[in-house]
Amino acid sequence: MRLLAMKPGHDGNLAYIANGQLEFSFEAEKDSGNRYAPIGATELIEAMRHTSEIPEAIVISGWSAGVDPLGRPIGAGYMGLDGFVVEGVLFSREQGGSNPMVMVSA
């Protein structure tokens, strides 16, 4: 299975796991990134460029703002998501290209 895991926000990271092996992990505050730098959509798209194959799933972790676990969610929140289903999302590679692209069908 191929997973692209994302923890958005502060101390965020992106990791690509293929067949149980970690292929890469990007952290927002590493590689000369600013302290408290977030992980967001731009970094997610950049990570997709580095995958060897199209991920079968994108996994989103999360946290909550403040000290209350039920406070304002960041990403999937501290307690996770209930009943969250995404339909009509297709990951494909450009014809003749090597970079993944994200296509959302309505």
C-alpha atoms as a PDB file:
ATOM      1  CA  MET A   1       0.000   0.000   0.000  1.00  0.00           C
ATOM      2  CA  ARG A   2       1.183   3.531  -0.798  1.00  0.00           C
ATOM      3  CA  LEU A   3       0.296   6.257   1.692  1.00  0.00           C
ATOM      4  CA  LEU A   4       1.032   9.964   1.725  1.00  0.00           C
ATOM      5  CA  ALA A   5       0.606  11.077   5.333  1.00  0.00           C
ATOM      6  CA  MET A   6       0.244  14.722   6.313  1.00  0.00           C
ATOM      7  CA  LYS A   7       0.178  16.528   9.634  1.00  0.00           C
ATOM      8  CA  PRO A   8      -0.727  20.128   8.755  1.00  0.00           C
ATOM      9  CA  GLY A   9       0.105  23.207  10.772  1.00  0.00           C
ATOM     10  CA  HIS A  10       2.921  23.862  13.258  1.00  0.00           C
ATOM     11  CA  ASP A  11       5.420  21.006  13.599  1.00  0.00           C
ATOM     12  CA  GLY A  12       3.809  19.583  10.481  1.00  0.00           C
ATOM     13  CA  ASN A  13       5.282  16.957   8.224  1.00  0.00           C
ATOM     14  CA  LEU A  14       4.630  14.911   5.108  1.00  0.00           C
ATOM     15  CA  ALA A  15       5.698  11.294   4.757  1.00  0.00           C
ATOM     16  CA  TYR A  16       5.402   8.833   1.877  1.00  0.00           C
ATOM     17  CA  ILE A  17       5.260   5.148   2.769  1.00  0.00           C
ATOM     18  CA  ALA A  18       5.310   2.461   0.079  1.00  0.00           C
ATOM     19  CA  ASN A  19       4.950  -1.226   0.935  1.00  0.00           C
ATOM     20  CA  GLY A  20       5.781  -0.599   4.577  1.00  0.00           C
ATOM     21  CA  GLN A  21       8.965   1.377   3.825  1.00  0.00           C
ATOM     22  CA  LEU A  22       9.433   5.077   4.503  1.00  0.00           C
ATOM     23  CA  GLU A  23      10.405   6.672   1.172  1.00  0.00           C
ATOM     24  CA  PHE A  24      10.707  10.251   2.470  1.00  0.00           C
ATOM     25  CA  SER A  25       9.657  12.567   5.260  1.00  0.00           C
ATOM     26  CA  PHE A  26       9.545  16.372   4.983  1.00  0.00           C
ATOM     27  CA  GLU A  27       9.303  18.482   8.126  1.00  0.00           C
ATOM     28  CA  ALA A  28       8.297  22.142   8.052  1.00  0.00           C
ATOM     29  CA  GLU A  29      11.002  23.339  10.424  1.00  0.00           C
ATOM     30  CA  LYS A  30      13.883  21.369   8.879  1.00  0.00           C
ATOM     31  CA  ASP A  31      16.082  22.237   5.897  1.00  0.00           C
ATOM     32  CA  SER A  32      16.310  25.919   6.846  1.00  0.00           C
ATOM     33  CA  GLY A  33      12.539  26.244   7.318  1.00  0.00           C
ATOM     34  CA  ASN A  34      11.388  28.936   9.723  1.00  0.00           C
ATOM     35  CA  ARG A  35      10.523  28.041  13.297  1.00  0.00           C
ATOM     36  CA  TYR A  36       6.760  27.416  13.590  1.00  0.00           C
ATOM     37  CA  ALA A  37       6.522  27.093   9.791  1.00  0.00           C
ATOM     38  CA  PRO A  38       3.329  25.258   8.801  1.00  0.00           C
ATOM     39  CA  ILE A  39       2.787  22.433   6.324  1.00  0.00           C
ATOM     40  CA  GLY A  40       0.057  23.288   3.845  1.00  0.00           C
ATOM     41  CA  ALA A  41      -1.286  22.675   0.352  1.00  0.00           C
ATOM     42  CA  THR A  42       1.880  23.905  -1.392  1.00  0.00           C
ATOM     43  CA  GLU A  43       4.038  21.400   0.488  1.00  0.00           C
ATOM     44  CA  LEU A  44       1.501  18.627  -0.196  1.00  0.00           C
ATOM     45  CA  ILE A  45       1.725  19.262  -3.937  1.00  0.00           C
ATOM     46  CA  GLU A  46       5.531  19.397  -3.742  1.00  0.00           C
ATOM     47  CA  ALA A  47       5.554  16.049  -1.908  1.00  0.00           C
ATOM     48  CA  MET A  48       3.397  14.523  -4.660  1.00  0.00           C
ATOM     49  CA  ARG A  49       6.176  15.406  -7.123  1.00  0.00           C
ATOM     50  CA  HIS A  50       8.566  13.183  -5.139  1.00  0.00           C
ATOM     51  CA  THR A  51       6.414  10.055  -4.959  1.00  0.00           C
ATOM     52  CA  SER A  52       7.595   7.066  -6.964  1.00  0.00           C
ATOM     53  CA  GLU A  53       3.985   6.003  -7.599  1.00  0.00           C
ATOM     54  CA  ILE A  54       0.570   7.546  -7.078  1.00  0.00           C
ATOM     55  CA  PRO A  55      -0.515   7.204  -3.416  1.00  0.00           C
ATOM     56  CA  GLU A  56      -3.478   4.933  -2.778  1.00  0.00           C
ATOM     57  CA  ALA A  57      -4.543   7.184   0.098  1.00  0.00           C
ATOM     58  CA  ILE A  58      -3.712  10.525   1.638  1.00  0.00           C
ATOM     59  CA  VAL A  59      -3.838  10.287   5.409  1.00  0.00           C
ATOM     60  CA  ILE A  60      -4.376  13.476   7.416  1.00  0.00           C
ATOM     61  CA  SER A  61      -3.397  13.724  11.060  1.00  0.00           C
ATOM     62  CA  GLY A  62      -4.172  16.673  13.244  1.00  0.00           C
ATOM     63  CA  TRP A  63      -4.176  18.503  16.526  1.00  0.00           C
ATOM     64  CA  SER A  64      -6.220  21.183  18.244  1.00  0.00           C
ATOM     65  CA  ALA A  65      -5.436  24.798  19.017  1.00  0.00           C
ATOM     66  CA  GLY A  66      -4.952  25.614  22.689  1.00  0.00           C
ATOM     67  CA  VAL A  67      -4.988  23.170  25.597  1.00  0.00           C
ATOM     68  CA  ASP A  68      -8.481  21.713  25.048  1.00  0.00           C
ATOM     69  CA  PRO A  69      -8.422  18.596  22.818  1.00  0.00           C
ATOM     70  CA  LEU A  70     -11.937  19.539  21.680  1.00  0.00           C
ATOM     71  CA  GLY A  71     -10.836  23.084  20.775  1.00  0.00           C
ATOM     72  CA  ARG A  72     -10.479  24.465  17.249  1.00  0.00           C
ATOM     73  CA  PRO A  73      -9.242  21.540  15.102  1.00  0.00           C
ATOM     74  CA  ILE A  74      -6.072  21.706  13.033  1.00  0.00           C
ATOM     75  CA  GLY A  75      -6.151  19.223  10.154  1.00  0.00           C
ATOM     76  CA  ALA A  76      -8.156  16.197  11.304  1.00  0.00           C
ATOM     77  CA  GLY A  77      -8.282  17.530  14.867  1.00  0.00           C
ATOM     78  CA  TYR A  78      -7.095  15.899  18.067  1.00  0.00           C
ATOM     79  CA  MET A  79      -9.993  13.432  18.186  1.00  0.00           C
ATOM     80  CA  GLY A  80     -10.031  12.589  14.462  1.00  0.00           C
ATOM     81  CA  LEU A  81     -12.881  12.793  11.980  1.00  0.00           C
ATOM     82  CA  ASP A  82     -16.245  11.022  12.085  1.00  0.00           C
ATOM     83  CA  GLY A  83     -18.078  10.148   8.909  1.00  0.00           C
ATOM     84  CA  PHE A  84     -15.728  12.081   6.623  1.00  0.00           C
ATOM     85  CA  VAL A  85     -15.902  10.672   3.106  1.00  0.00           C
ATOM     86  CA  VAL A  86     -14.325  12.092  -0.033  1.00  0.00           C
ATOM     87  CA  GLU A  87     -15.723  10.955  -3.357  1.00  0.00           C
ATOM     88  CA  GLY A  88     -14.719  11.719  -6.905  1.00  0.00           C
ATOM     89  CA  VAL A  89     -11.035  12.336  -6.250  1.00  0.00           C
ATOM     90  CA  LEU A  90      -8.655  10.855  -8.781  1.00  0.00           C
ATOM     91  CA  PHE A  91      -4.890  10.868  -8.705  1.00  0.00           C
ATOM     92  CA  SER A  92      -3.325  10.560 -12.113  1.00  0.00           C
ATOM     93  CA  ARG A  93      -0.090  11.238 -13.899  1.00  0.00           C
ATOM     94  CA  GLU A  94       0.028  13.601 -16.826  1.00  0.00           C
ATOM     95  CA  GLN A  95       0.139  11.703 -20.073  1.00  0.00           C
ATOM     96  CA  GLY A  96       3.803  11.351 -20.966  1.00  0.00           C
ATOM     97  CA  GLY A  97       4.878  13.138 -17.769  1.00  0.00           C
ATOM     98  CA  SER A  98       6.445  11.913 -14.577  1.00  0.00           C
ATOM     99  CA  ASN A  99       4.915  14.290 -12.035  1.00  0.00           C
ATOM    100  CA  PRO A 100       1.664  13.342 -10.307  1.00  0.00           C
ATOM    101  CA  MET A 101      -1.219  15.711 -10.639  1.00  0.00           C
ATOM    102  CA  VAL A 102      -4.392  15.942  -8.619  1.00  0.00           C
ATOM    103  CA  MET A 103      -7.691  15.931 -10.467  1.00  0.00           C
ATOM    104  CA  VAL A 104     -11.016  16.443  -8.698  1.00  0.00           C
ATOM    105  CA  SER A 105     -14.160  15.441 -10.533  1.00  0.00           C
ATOM    106  CA  ALA A 106     -17.496  17.050  -9.714  1.00  0.00           C
END
